[in-house]
Amino acid sequence: MISTIVLTTGLLLILIGSWGILTHRNILRIVISFSLMGTGTHIIIVAIGYVKNGTAPIIDRTLDLSEATSRVVDPIPSALVVTAIVIGMAVTAVMLAYTIRLYDSKKTLSIDAFTESKW
């Protein structure tokens, strides 16, 4: 049950972020939308690795080898999400620094003011 709720929440965040990227003209709102999409992706990856009533991946006397495949929580998705969070923070910082430089040059954050940057 909780896995479905978490997956739905992650998908909803990705959809909200996609909507924000496609509909907003303000660069700061687009950066926030990218962050929402990243957070939704992180939530989905963690939900994929979730096991109901799961235990740590340590095989000893309390956890038999035959039931390890059904009870052990996979640590790889959690490790990937921790790494992705750090990378996402760095990418967000670069996007915000670029946003500040764009604001300094044009005194606005509207994409429409940057027509010379388009292909």
PDB file of N, CA and C in Angstrom:
ATOM      1  N   MET A   1       0.825  -1.199   0.000  1.00  0.00           N
ATOM      2  CA  MET A   1       0.000   0.000   0.000  1.00  0.00           C
ATOM      3  C   MET A   1       0.865   1.256   0.000  1.00  0.00           C
ATOM      4  N   ILE A   2       1.851   1.305   0.878  1.00  0.00           N
ATOM      5  CA  ILE A   2       2.670   2.517   0.949  1.00  0.00           C
ATOM      6  C   ILE A   2       3.501   2.687  -0.314  1.00  0.00           C
ATOM      7  N   SER A   3       3.875   1.592  -0.936  1.00  0.00           N
ATOM      8  CA  SER A   3       4.664   1.697  -2.150  1.00  0.00           C
ATOM      9  C   SER A   3       3.857   2.363  -3.263  1.00  0.00           C
ATOM     10  N   THR A   4       2.582   2.064  -3.364  1.00  0.00           N
ATOM     11  CA  THR A   4       1.736   2.683  -4.378  1.00  0.00           C
ATOM     12  C   THR A   4       1.580   4.176  -4.120  1.00  0.00           C
ATOM     13  N   ILE A   5       1.411   4.549  -2.857  1.00  0.00           N
ATOM     14  CA  ILE A   5       1.272   5.961  -2.506  1.00  0.00           C
ATOM     15  C   ILE A   5       2.560   6.712  -2.826  1.00  0.00           C
ATOM     16  N   VAL A   6       3.680   6.121  -2.494  1.00  0.00           N
ATOM     17  CA  VAL A   6       4.967   6.776  -2.745  1.00  0.00           C
ATOM     18  C   VAL A   6       5.236   6.883  -4.246  1.00  0.00           C
ATOM     19  N   LEU A   7       4.941   5.830  -4.990  1.00  0.00           N
ATOM     20  CA  LEU A   7       5.122   5.882  -6.444  1.00  0.00           C
ATOM     21  C   LEU A   7       4.227   6.947  -7.078  1.00  0.00           C
ATOM     22  N   THR A   8       2.994   7.034  -6.605  1.00  0.00           N
ATOM     23  CA  THR A   8       2.073   8.038  -7.128  1.00  0.00           C
ATOM     24  C   THR A   8       2.560   9.444  -6.803  1.00  0.00           C
ATOM     25  N   THR A   9       3.069   9.639  -5.593  1.00  0.00           N
ATOM     26  CA  THR A   9       3.596  10.948  -5.205  1.00  0.00           C
ATOM     27  C   THR A   9       4.789  11.333  -6.078  1.00  0.00           C
ATOM     28  N   GLY A  10       5.695  10.395  -6.310  1.00  0.00           N
ATOM     29  CA  GLY A  10       6.843  10.673  -7.171  1.00  0.00           C
ATOM     30  C   GLY A  10       6.432  11.009  -8.586  1.00  0.00           C
ATOM     31  N   LEU A  11       5.482  10.251  -9.132  1.00  0.00           N
ATOM     32  CA  LEU A  11       5.001  10.521 -10.480  1.00  0.00           C
ATOM     33  C   LEU A  11       4.307  11.874 -10.551  1.00  0.00           C
ATOM     34  N   LEU A  12       3.552  12.216  -9.523  1.00  0.00           N
ATOM     35  CA  LEU A  12       2.872  13.513  -9.483  1.00  0.00           C
ATOM     36  C   LEU A  12       3.881  14.665  -9.455  1.00  0.00           C
ATOM     37  N   LEU A  13       4.963  14.515  -8.676  1.00  0.00           N
ATOM     38  CA  LEU A  13       5.994  15.552  -8.656  1.00  0.00           C
ATOM     39  C   LEU A  13       6.676  15.705 -10.014  1.00  0.00           C
ATOM     40  N   ILE A  14       6.915  14.587 -10.692  1.00  0.00           N
ATOM     41  CA  ILE A  14       7.516  14.657 -12.022  1.00  0.00           C
ATOM     42  C   ILE A  14       6.577  15.361 -12.999  1.00  0.00           C
ATOM     43  N   LEU A  15       5.285  15.058 -12.915  1.00  0.00           N
ATOM     44  CA  LEU A  15       4.317  15.699 -13.804  1.00  0.00           C
ATOM     45  C   LEU A  15       4.190  17.193 -13.519  1.00  0.00           C
ATOM     46  N   ILE A  16       4.181  17.581 -12.241  1.00  0.00           N
ATOM     47  CA  ILE A  16       4.113  18.998 -11.883  1.00  0.00           C
ATOM     48  C   ILE A  16       5.361  19.727 -12.376  1.00  0.00           C
ATOM     49  N   GLY A  17       6.527  19.095 -12.216  1.00  0.00           N
ATOM     50  CA  GLY A  17       7.762  19.699 -12.710  1.00  0.00           C
ATOM     51  C   GLY A  17       7.760  19.849 -14.220  1.00  0.00           C
ATOM     52  N   SER A  18       7.288  18.837 -14.924  1.00  0.00           N
ATOM     53  CA  SER A  18       7.208  18.924 -16.388  1.00  0.00           C
ATOM     54  C   SER A  18       6.254  20.027 -16.816  1.00  0.00           C
ATOM     55  N   TRP A  19       5.123  20.120 -16.146  1.00  0.00           N
ATOM     56  CA  TRP A  19       4.159  21.178 -16.451  1.00  0.00           C
ATOM     57  C   TRP A  19       4.784  22.548 -16.215  1.00  0.00           C
ATOM     58  N   GLY A  20       5.518  22.688 -15.123  1.00  0.00           N
ATOM     59  CA  GLY A  20       6.158  23.969 -14.823  1.00  0.00           C
ATOM     60  C   GLY A  20       7.201  24.359 -15.849  1.00  0.00           C
ATOM     61  N   ILE A  21       7.962  23.392 -16.331  1.00  0.00           N
ATOM     62  CA  ILE A  21       8.982  23.679 -17.340  1.00  0.00           C
ATOM     63  C   ILE A  21       8.338  24.111 -18.657  1.00  0.00           C
ATOM     64  N   LEU A  22       7.244  23.465 -19.017  1.00  0.00           N
ATOM     65  CA  LEU A  22       6.620  23.735 -20.304  1.00  0.00           C
ATOM     66  C   LEU A  22       5.746  24.989 -20.318  1.00  0.00           C
ATOM     67  N   THR A  23       5.249  25.419 -19.167  1.00  0.00           N
ATOM     68  CA  THR A  23       4.282  26.523 -19.172  1.00  0.00           C
ATOM     69  C   THR A  23       4.825  27.843 -18.638  1.00  0.00           C
ATOM     70  N   HIS A  24       5.833  27.832 -17.798  1.00  0.00           N
ATOM     71  CA  HIS A  24       6.305  29.084 -17.208  1.00  0.00           C
ATOM     72  C   HIS A  24       7.352  29.759 -18.095  1.00  0.00           C
ATOM     73  N   ARG A  25       7.373  31.071 -18.046  1.00  0.00           N
ATOM     74  CA  ARG A  25       8.335  31.857 -18.803  1.00  0.00           C
ATOM     75  C   ARG A  25       9.413  32.452 -17.889  1.00  0.00           C
ATOM     76  N   ASN A  26       9.274  32.290 -16.581  1.00  0.00           N
ATOM     77  CA  ASN A  26      10.226  32.818 -15.612  1.00  0.00           C
ATOM     78  C   ASN A  26      11.319  31.769 -15.377  1.00  0.00           C
ATOM     79  N   ILE A  27      12.570  32.175 -15.513  1.00  0.00           N
ATOM     80  CA  ILE A  27      13.686  31.231 -15.405  1.00  0.00           C
ATOM     81  C   ILE A  27      13.769  30.625 -14.004  1.00  0.00           C
ATOM     82  N   LEU A  28      13.490  31.403 -12.972  1.00  0.00           N
ATOM     83  CA  LEU A  28      13.548  30.885 -11.608  1.00  0.00           C
ATOM     84  C   LEU A  28      12.499  29.793 -11.394  1.00  0.00           C
ATOM     85  N   ARG A  29      11.324  29.973 -11.935  1.00  0.00           N
ATOM     86  CA  ARG A  29      10.284  28.942 -11.820  1.00  0.00           C
ATOM     87  C   ARG A  29      10.667  27.684 -12.589  1.00  0.00           C
ATOM     88  N   ILE A  30      11.371  27.840 -13.679  1.00  0.00           N
ATOM     89  CA  ILE A  30      11.828  26.680 -14.441  1.00  0.00           C
ATOM     90  C   ILE A  30      12.874  25.905 -13.651  1.00  0.00           C
ATOM     91  N   VAL A  31      13.765  26.612 -12.967  1.00  0.00           N
ATOM     92  CA  VAL A  31      14.770  25.952 -12.125  1.00  0.00           C
ATOM     93  C   VAL A  31      14.079  25.182 -11.004  1.00  0.00           C
ATOM     94  N   ILE A  32      13.068  25.781 -10.392  1.00  0.00           N
ATOM     95  CA  ILE A  32      12.314  25.096  -9.332  1.00  0.00           C
ATOM     96  C   ILE A  32      11.604  23.866  -9.901  1.00  0.00           C
ATOM     97  N   SER A  33      11.086  23.975 -11.108  1.00  0.00           N
ATOM     98  CA  SER A  33      10.413  22.830 -11.742  1.00  0.00           C
ATOM     99  C   SER A  33      11.392  21.686 -11.998  1.00  0.00           C
ATOM    100  N   PHE A  34      12.616  22.019 -12.413  1.00  0.00           N
ATOM    101  CA  PHE A  34      13.636  20.981 -12.576  1.00  0.00           C
ATOM    102  C   PHE A  34      13.924  20.288 -11.248  1.00  0.00           C
ATOM    103  N   SER A  35      13.968  21.053 -10.167  1.00  0.00           N
ATOM    104  CA  SER A  35      14.199  20.460  -8.850  1.00  0.00           C
ATOM    105  C   SER A  35      13.050  19.540  -8.442  1.00  0.00           C
ATOM    106  N   LEU A  36      11.823  19.943  -8.741  1.00  0.00           N
ATOM    107  CA  LEU A  36      10.664  19.091  -8.448  1.00  0.00           C
ATOM    108  C   LEU A  36      10.741  17.780  -9.224  1.00  0.00           C
ATOM    109  N   MET A  37      11.131  17.854 -10.473  1.00  0.00           N
ATOM    110  CA  MET A  37      11.267  16.625 -11.264  1.00  0.00           C
ATOM    111  C   MET A  37      12.337  15.706 -10.687  1.00  0.00           C
ATOM    112  N   GLY A  38      13.447  16.291 -10.245  1.00  0.00           N
ATOM    113  CA  GLY A  38      14.508  15.480  -9.635  1.00  0.00           C
ATOM    114  C   GLY A  38      14.053  14.828  -8.353  1.00  0.00           C
ATOM    115  N   THR A  39      13.310  15.571  -7.539  1.00  0.00           N
ATOM    116  CA  THR A  39      12.811  15.011  -6.286  1.00  0.00           C
ATOM    117  C   THR A  39      11.829  13.873  -6.558  1.00  0.00           C
ATOM    118  N   GLY A  40      10.962  14.051  -7.538  1.00  0.00           N
ATOM    119  CA  GLY A  40      10.033  12.978  -7.898  1.00  0.00           C
ATOM    120  C   GLY A  40      10.761  11.732  -8.369  1.00  0.00           C
ATOM    121  N   THR A  41      11.821  11.928  -9.127  1.00  0.00           N
ATOM    122  CA  THR A  41      12.621  10.786  -9.582  1.00  0.00           C
ATOM    123  C   THR A  41      13.273  10.069  -8.409  1.00  0.00           C
ATOM    124  N   HIS A  42      13.784  10.828  -7.451  1.00  0.00           N
ATOM    125  CA  HIS A  42      14.398  10.220  -6.271  1.00  0.00           C
ATOM    126  C   HIS A  42      13.378   9.400  -5.490  1.00  0.00           C
ATOM    127  N   ILE A  43      12.181   9.937  -5.327  1.00  0.00           N
ATOM    128  CA  ILE A  43      11.142   9.228  -4.587  1.00  0.00           C
ATOM    129  C   ILE A  43      10.774   7.926  -5.293  1.00  0.00           C
ATOM    130  N   ILE A  44      10.674   7.956  -6.616  1.00  0.00           N
ATOM    131  CA  ILE A  44      10.328   6.741  -7.361  1.00  0.00           C
ATOM    132  C   ILE A  44      11.422   5.687  -7.228  1.00  0.00           C
ATOM    133  N   ILE A  45      12.674   6.102  -7.296  1.00  0.00           N
ATOM    134  CA  ILE A  45      13.775   5.135  -7.174  1.00  0.00           C
ATOM    135  C   ILE A  45      13.778   4.497  -5.788  1.00  0.00           C
ATOM    136  N   VAL A  46      13.534   5.287  -4.743  1.00  0.00           N
ATOM    137  CA  VAL A  46      13.481   4.719  -3.389  1.00  0.00           C
ATOM    138  C   VAL A  46      12.294   3.777  -3.262  1.00  0.00           C
ATOM    139  N   ALA A  47      11.157   4.128  -3.857  1.00  0.00           N
ATOM    140  CA  ALA A  47       9.973   3.270  -3.775  1.00  0.00           C
ATOM    141  C   ALA A  47      10.190   1.942  -4.493  1.00  0.00           C
ATOM    142  N   ILE A  48      10.980   1.945  -5.552  1.00  0.00           N
ATOM    143  CA  ILE A  48      11.261   0.700  -6.269  1.00  0.00           C
ATOM    144  C   ILE A  48      12.054  -0.261  -5.373  1.00  0.00           C
ATOM    145  N   GLY A  49      12.953   0.272  -4.556  1.00  0.00           N
ATOM    146  CA  GLY A  49      13.767  -0.576  -3.689  1.00  0.00           C
ATOM    147  C   GLY A  49      13.096  -0.966  -2.386  1.00  0.00           C
ATOM    148  N   TYR A  50      11.859  -0.512  -2.156  1.00  0.00           N
ATOM    149  CA  TYR A  50      11.163  -0.779  -0.902  1.00  0.00           C
ATOM    150  C   TYR A  50      10.630  -2.219  -0.865  1.00  0.00           C
ATOM    151  N   VAL A  51      10.769  -2.858   0.282  1.00  0.00           N
ATOM    152  CA  VAL A  51      10.211  -4.188   0.508  1.00  0.00           C
ATOM    153  C   VAL A  51       9.398  -4.128   1.794  1.00  0.00           C
ATOM    154  N   LYS A  52       8.119  -4.519   1.722  1.00  0.00           N
ATOM    155  CA  LYS A  52       7.260  -4.488   2.904  1.00  0.00           C
ATOM    156  C   LYS A  52       7.781  -5.479   3.940  1.00  0.00           C
ATOM    157  N   ASN A  53       7.901  -5.013   5.174  1.00  0.00           N
ATOM    158  CA  ASN A  53       8.464  -5.791   6.287  1.00  0.00           C
ATOM    159  C   ASN A  53       9.876  -6.275   5.963  1.00  0.00           C
ATOM    160  N   GLY A  54      10.609  -5.465   5.227  1.00  0.00           N
ATOM    161  CA  GLY A  54      11.962  -5.831   4.834  1.00  0.00           C
ATOM    162  C   GLY A  54      12.959  -5.646   5.962  1.00  0.00           C
ATOM    163  N   THR A  55      14.114  -6.216   5.766  1.00  0.00           N
ATOM    164  CA  THR A  55      15.184  -6.138   6.753  1.00  0.00           C
ATOM    165  C   THR A  55      16.482  -5.735   6.056  1.00  0.00           C
ATOM    166  N   ALA A  56      17.479  -5.442   6.852  1.00  0.00           N
ATOM    167  CA  ALA A  56      18.780  -5.058   6.306  1.00  0.00           C
ATOM    168  C   ALA A  56      19.407  -6.237   5.564  1.00  0.00           C
ATOM    169  N   PRO A  57      20.224  -5.962   4.560  1.00  0.00           N
ATOM    170  CA  PRO A  57      20.828  -7.047   3.772  1.00  0.00           C
ATOM    171  C   PRO A  57      22.014  -7.700   4.471  1.00  0.00           C
ATOM    172  N   ILE A  58      21.768  -8.219   5.661  1.00  0.00           N
ATOM    173  CA  ILE A  58      22.793  -8.915   6.429  1.00  0.00           C
ATOM    174  C   ILE A  58      22.296 -10.335   6.674  1.00  0.00           C
ATOM    175  N   ILE A  59      22.973 -11.292   6.105  1.00  0.00           N
ATOM    176  CA  ILE A  59      22.557 -12.681   6.246  1.00  0.00           C
ATOM    177  C   ILE A  59      23.303 -13.285   7.425  1.00  0.00           C
ATOM    178  N   ASP A  60      22.552 -13.633   8.454  1.00  0.00           N
ATOM    179  CA  ASP A  60      23.114 -14.267   9.645  1.00  0.00           C
ATOM    180  C   ASP A  60      22.095 -15.264  10.180  1.00  0.00           C
ATOM    181  N   ARG A  61      22.138 -15.551  11.470  1.00  0.00           N
ATOM    182  CA  ARG A  61      21.226 -16.547  12.046  1.00  0.00           C
ATOM    183  C   ARG A  61      19.772 -16.091  12.014  1.00  0.00           C
ATOM    184  N   THR A  62      19.530 -14.804  12.098  1.00  0.00           N
ATOM    185  CA  THR A  62      18.144 -14.330  12.117  1.00  0.00           C
ATOM    186  C   THR A  62      17.510 -14.311  10.730  1.00  0.00           C
ATOM    187  N   LEU A  63      18.320 -14.260   9.693  1.00  0.00           N
ATOM    188  CA  LEU A  63      17.803 -14.233   8.324  1.00  0.00           C
ATOM    189  C   LEU A  63      18.381 -15.409   7.559  1.00  0.00           C
ATOM    190  N   ASP A  64      17.526 -16.319   7.174  1.00  0.00           N
ATOM    191  CA  ASP A  64      17.941 -17.509   6.452  1.00  0.00           C
ATOM    192  C   ASP A  64      18.214 -17.162   4.987  1.00  0.00           C
ATOM    193  N   LEU A  65      19.116 -17.877   4.374  1.00  0.00           N
ATOM    194  CA  LEU A  65      19.482 -17.609   2.985  1.00  0.00           C
ATOM    195  C   LEU A  65      18.310 -17.842   2.032  1.00  0.00           C
ATOM    196  N   SER A  66      17.441 -18.773   2.348  1.00  0.00           N
ATOM    197  CA  SER A  66      16.315 -19.074   1.463  1.00  0.00           C
ATOM    198  C   SER A  66      15.275 -17.957   1.449  1.00  0.00           C
ATOM    199  N   GLU A  67      15.112 -17.234   2.544  1.00  0.00           N
ATOM    200  CA  GLU A  67      14.132 -16.151   2.571  1.00  0.00           C
ATOM    201  C   GLU A  67      14.760 -14.771   2.336  1.00  0.00           C
ATOM    202  N   ALA A  68      16.031 -14.732   2.053  1.00  0.00           N
ATOM    203  CA  ALA A  68      16.721 -13.451   1.855  1.00  0.00           C
ATOM    204  C   ALA A  68      16.203 -12.717   0.622  1.00  0.00           C
ATOM    205  N   THR A  69      15.856 -13.436  -0.430  1.00  0.00           N
ATOM    206  CA  THR A  69      15.407 -12.767  -1.653  1.00  0.00           C
ATOM    207  C   THR A  69      14.059 -12.076  -1.496  1.00  0.00           C
ATOM    208  N   SER A  70      13.247 -12.536  -0.561  1.00  0.00           N
ATOM    209  CA  SER A  70      11.928 -11.932  -0.393  1.00  0.00           C
ATOM    210  C   SER A  70      11.871 -10.914   0.749  1.00  0.00           C
ATOM    211  N   ARG A  71      12.829 -10.936   1.672  1.00  0.00           N
ATOM    212  CA  ARG A  71      12.769 -10.060   2.839  1.00  0.00           C
ATOM    213  C   ARG A  71      13.826  -8.966   2.878  1.00  0.00           C
ATOM    214  N   VAL A  72      14.842  -9.067   2.080  1.00  0.00           N
ATOM    215  CA  VAL A  72      15.952  -8.116   2.158  1.00  0.00           C
ATOM    216  C   VAL A  72      15.646  -6.882   1.310  1.00  0.00           C
ATOM    217  N   VAL A  73      15.903  -5.719   1.882  1.00  0.00           N
ATOM    218  CA  VAL A  73      15.758  -4.456   1.161  1.00  0.00           C
ATOM    219  C   VAL A  73      17.020  -4.220   0.345  1.00  0.00           C
ATOM    220  N   ASP A  74      16.835  -3.883  -0.932  1.00  0.00           N
ATOM    221  CA  ASP A  74      17.972  -3.639  -1.813  1.00  0.00           C
ATOM    222  C   ASP A  74      18.608  -2.289  -1.467  1.00  0.00           C
ATOM    223  N   PRO A  75      19.886  -2.251  -1.080  1.00  0.00           N
ATOM    224  CA  PRO A  75      20.518  -0.977  -0.708  1.00  0.00           C
ATOM    225  C   PRO A  75      20.963  -0.128  -1.899  1.00  0.00           C
ATOM    226  N   ILE A  76      20.992  -0.693  -3.095  1.00  0.00           N
ATOM    227  CA  ILE A  76      21.486   0.029  -4.261  1.00  0.00           C
ATOM    228  C   ILE A  76      20.624   1.254  -4.603  1.00  0.00           C
ATOM    229  N   PRO A  77      19.286   1.144  -4.648  1.00  0.00           N
ATOM    230  CA  PRO A  77      18.504   2.351  -4.953  1.00  0.00           C
ATOM    231  C   PRO A  77      18.722   3.479  -3.949  1.00  0.00           C
ATOM    232  N   SER A  78      18.832   3.147  -2.683  1.00  0.00           N
ATOM    233  CA  SER A  78      19.068   4.188  -1.672  1.00  0.00           C
ATOM    234  C   SER A  78      20.422   4.845  -1.872  1.00  0.00           C
ATOM    235  N   ALA A  79      21.431   4.055  -2.179  1.00  0.00           N
ATOM    236  CA  ALA A  79      22.760   4.616  -2.417  1.00  0.00           C
ATOM    237  C   ALA A  79      22.766   5.492  -3.669  1.00  0.00           C
ATOM    238  N   LEU A  80      22.060   5.059  -4.704  1.00  0.00           N
ATOM    239  CA  LEU A  80      21.980   5.865  -5.916  1.00  0.00           C
ATOM    240  C   LEU A  80      21.254   7.179  -5.666  1.00  0.00           C
ATOM    241  N   VAL A  81      20.211   7.145  -4.848  1.00  0.00           N
ATOM    242  CA  VAL A  81      19.456   8.365  -4.561  1.00  0.00           C
ATOM    243  C   VAL A  81      20.298   9.347  -3.758  1.00  0.00           C
ATOM    244  N   VAL A  82      21.072   8.862  -2.804  1.00  0.00           N
ATOM    245  CA  VAL A  82      21.939   9.761  -2.032  1.00  0.00           C
ATOM    246  C   VAL A  82      22.933  10.449  -2.972  1.00  0.00           C
ATOM    247  N   THR A  83      23.504   9.685  -3.882  1.00  0.00           N
ATOM    248  CA  THR A  83      24.427  10.261  -4.856  1.00  0.00           C
ATOM    249  C   THR A  83      23.709  11.245  -5.772  1.00  0.00           C
ATOM    250  N   ALA A  84      22.509  10.888  -6.211  1.00  0.00           N
ATOM    251  CA  ALA A  84      21.747  11.760  -7.108  1.00  0.00           C
ATOM    252  C   ALA A  84      21.329  13.056  -6.417  1.00  0.00           C
ATOM    253  N   ILE A  85      21.055  12.998  -5.131  1.00  0.00           N
ATOM    254  CA  ILE A  85      20.696  14.210  -4.391  1.00  0.00           C
ATOM    255  C   ILE A  85      21.869  15.183  -4.373  1.00  0.00           C
ATOM    256  N   VAL A  86      23.056  14.672  -4.128  1.00  0.00           N
ATOM    257  CA  VAL A  86      24.244  15.530  -4.102  1.00  0.00           C
ATOM    258  C   VAL A  86      24.490  16.135  -5.484  1.00  0.00           C
ATOM    259  N   ILE A  87      24.393  15.329  -6.524  1.00  0.00           N
ATOM    260  CA  ILE A  87      24.591  15.835  -7.880  1.00  0.00           C
ATOM    261  C   ILE A  87      23.492  16.834  -8.233  1.00  0.00           C
ATOM    262  N   GLY A  88      22.251  16.541  -7.829  1.00  0.00           N
ATOM    263  CA  GLY A  88      21.148  17.459  -8.097  1.00  0.00           C
ATOM    264  C   GLY A  88      21.322  18.799  -7.422  1.00  0.00           C
ATOM    265  N   MET A  89      21.849  18.787  -6.201  1.00  0.00           N
ATOM    266  CA  MET A  89      22.103  20.056  -5.512  1.00  0.00           C
ATOM    267  C   MET A  89      23.161  20.876  -6.256  1.00  0.00           C
ATOM    268  N   ALA A  90      24.191  20.209  -6.746  1.00  0.00           N
ATOM    269  CA  ALA A  90      25.232  20.921  -7.490  1.00  0.00           C
ATOM    270  C   ALA A  90      24.678  21.489  -8.797  1.00  0.00           C
ATOM    271  N   VAL A  91      23.866  20.716  -9.501  1.00  0.00           N
ATOM    272  CA  VAL A  91      23.278  21.193 -10.749  1.00  0.00           C
ATOM    273  C   VAL A  91      22.333  22.362 -10.481  1.00  0.00           C
ATOM    274  N   THR A  92      21.547  22.278  -9.407  1.00  0.00           N
ATOM    275  CA  THR A  92      20.656  23.380  -9.048  1.00  0.00           C
ATOM    276  C   THR A  92      21.451  24.632  -8.702  1.00  0.00           C
ATOM    277  N   ALA A  93      22.559  24.469  -8.009  1.00  0.00           N
ATOM    278  CA  ALA A  93      23.397  25.624  -7.683  1.00  0.00           C
ATOM    279  C   ALA A  93      23.947  26.275  -8.946  1.00  0.00           C
ATOM    280  N   VAL A  94      24.361  25.474  -9.914  1.00  0.00           N
ATOM    281  CA  VAL A  94      24.858  26.023 -11.172  1.00  0.00           C
ATOM    282  C   VAL A  94      23.734  26.734 -11.931  1.00  0.00           C
ATOM    283  N   MET A  95      22.542  26.129 -11.946  1.00  0.00           N
ATOM    284  CA  MET A  95      21.410  26.783 -12.622  1.00  0.00           C
ATOM    285  C   MET A  95      21.056  28.107 -11.952  1.00  0.00           C
ATOM    286  N   LEU A  96      21.085  28.147 -10.625  1.00  0.00           N
ATOM    287  CA  LEU A  96      20.783  29.392  -9.922  1.00  0.00           C
ATOM    288  C   LEU A  96      21.868  30.441 -10.145  1.00  0.00           C
ATOM    289  N   ALA A  97      23.124  30.015 -10.189  1.00  0.00           N
ATOM    290  CA  ALA A  97      24.202  30.964 -10.480  1.00  0.00           C
ATOM    291  C   ALA A  97      24.050  31.523 -11.896  1.00  0.00           C
ATOM    292  N   TYR A  98      23.690  30.681 -12.821  1.00  0.00           N
ATOM    293  CA  TYR A  98      23.457  31.142 -14.192  1.00  0.00           C
ATOM    294  C   TYR A  98      22.258  32.091 -14.241  1.00  0.00           C
ATOM    295  N   THR A  99      21.233  31.806 -13.463  1.00  0.00           N
ATOM    296  CA  THR A  99      20.058  32.681 -13.392  1.00  0.00           C
ATOM    297  C   THR A  99      20.438  34.060 -12.863  1.00  0.00           C
ATOM    298  N   ILE A 100      21.301  34.095 -11.852  1.00  0.00           N
ATOM    299  CA  ILE A 100      21.755  35.381 -11.309  1.00  0.00           C
ATOM    300  C   ILE A 100      22.523  36.164 -12.375  1.00  0.00           C
ATOM    301  N   ARG A 101      23.385  35.492 -13.125  1.00  0.00           N
ATOM    302  CA  ARG A 101      24.139  36.170 -14.190  1.00  0.00           C
ATOM    303  C   ARG A 101      23.208  36.693 -15.285  1.00  0.00           C
ATOM    304  N   LEU A 102      22.185  35.933 -15.623  1.00  0.00           N
ATOM    305  CA  LEU A 102      21.224  36.397 -16.620  1.00  0.00           C
ATOM    306  C   LEU A 102      20.444  37.601 -16.110  1.00  0.00           C
ATOM    307  N   TYR A 103      20.083  37.584 -14.841  1.00  0.00           N
ATOM    308  CA  TYR A 103      19.360  38.717 -14.267  1.00  0.00           C
ATOM    309  C   TYR A 103      20.240  39.968 -14.245  1.00  0.00           C
ATOM    310  N   ASP A 104      21.521  39.801 -13.934  1.00  0.00           N
ATOM    311  CA  ASP A 104      22.435  40.943 -13.939  1.00  0.00           C
ATOM    312  C   ASP A 104      22.577  41.563 -15.331  1.00  0.00           C
ATOM    313  N   SER A 105      22.494  40.734 -16.345  1.00  0.00           N
ATOM    314  CA  SER A 105      22.680  41.266 -17.697  1.00  0.00           C
ATOM    315  C   SER A 105      21.430  41.940 -18.251  1.00  0.00           C
ATOM    316  N   LYS A 106      20.236  41.440 -17.948  1.00  0.00           N
ATOM    317  CA  LYS A 106      19.009  41.991 -18.534  1.00  0.00           C
ATOM    318  C   LYS A 106      18.040  42.603 -17.523  1.00  0.00           C
ATOM    319  N   LYS A 107      18.282  42.422 -16.240  1.00  0.00           N
ATOM    320  CA  LYS A 107      17.404  42.924 -15.171  1.00  0.00           C
ATOM    321  C   LYS A 107      15.990  42.341 -15.245  1.00  0.00           C
ATOM    322  N   THR A 108      15.881  41.153 -15.795  1.00  0.00           N
ATOM    323  CA  THR A 108      14.613  40.429 -15.826  1.00  0.00           C
ATOM    324  C   THR A 108      14.906  38.932 -15.872  1.00  0.00           C
ATOM    325  N   LEU A 109      13.921  38.131 -15.474  1.00  0.00           N
ATOM    326  CA  LEU A 109      14.062  36.680 -15.528  1.00  0.00           C
ATOM    327  C   LEU A 109      13.124  36.050 -16.546  1.00  0.00           C
ATOM    328  N   SER A 110      12.533  36.857 -17.397  1.00  0.00           N
ATOM    329  CA  SER A 110      11.639  36.340 -18.425  1.00  0.00           C
ATOM    330  C   SER A 110      12.460  35.784 -19.584  1.00  0.00           C
ATOM    331  N   ILE A 111      12.072  34.631 -20.065  1.00  0.00           N
ATOM    332  CA  ILE A 111      12.781  34.021 -21.192  1.00  0.00           C
ATOM    333  C   ILE A 111      12.635  34.883 -22.440  1.00  0.00           C
ATOM    334  N   ASP A 112      11.545  35.600 -22.558  1.00  0.00           N
ATOM    335  CA  ASP A 112      11.298  36.403 -23.746  1.00  0.00           C
ATOM    336  C   ASP A 112      12.340  37.509 -23.944  1.00  0.00           C
ATOM    337  N   ALA A 113      13.009  37.919 -22.868  1.00  0.00           N
ATOM    338  CA  ALA A 113      14.016  38.979 -22.971  1.00  0.00           C
ATOM    339  C   ALA A 113      15.339  38.479 -23.538  1.00  0.00           C
ATOM    340  N   PHE A 114      15.510  37.169 -23.643  1.00  0.00           N
ATOM    341  CA  PHE A 114      16.768  36.587 -24.097  1.00  0.00           C
ATOM    342  C   PHE A 114      16.623  36.023 -25.505  1.00  0.00           C
ATOM    343  N   THR A 115      16.120  36.821 -26.416  1.00  0.00           N
ATOM    344  CA  THR A 115      15.890  36.348 -27.780  1.00  0.00           C
ATOM    345  C   THR A 115      17.194  36.133 -28.554  1.00  0.00           C
ATOM    346  N   GLU A 116      18.254  36.852 -28.210  1.00  0.00           N
ATOM    347  CA  GLU A 116      19.512  36.669 -28.923  1.00  0.00           C
ATOM    348  C   GLU A 116      20.186  35.358 -28.572  1.00  0.00           C
ATOM    349  N   SER A 117      19.746  34.680 -27.509  1.00  0.00           N
ATOM    350  CA  SER A 117      20.327  33.396 -27.115  1.00  0.00           C
ATOM    351  C   SER A 117      19.673  32.222 -27.824  1.00  0.00           C
ATOM    352  N   LYS A 118      18.572  32.461 -28.534  1.00  0.00           N
ATOM    353  CA  LYS A 118      17.866  31.375 -29.207  1.00  0.00           C
ATOM    354  C   LYS A 118      18.583  31.001 -30.487  1.00  0.00           C
ATOM    355  N   TRP A 119      18.356  29.781 -30.971  1.00  0.00           N
ATOM    356  CA  TRP A 119      19.015  29.295 -32.172  1.00  0.00           C
ATOM    357  C   TRP A 119      18.350  29.898 -33.313  1.00  0.00           C
TER     358      TRP A 119
END
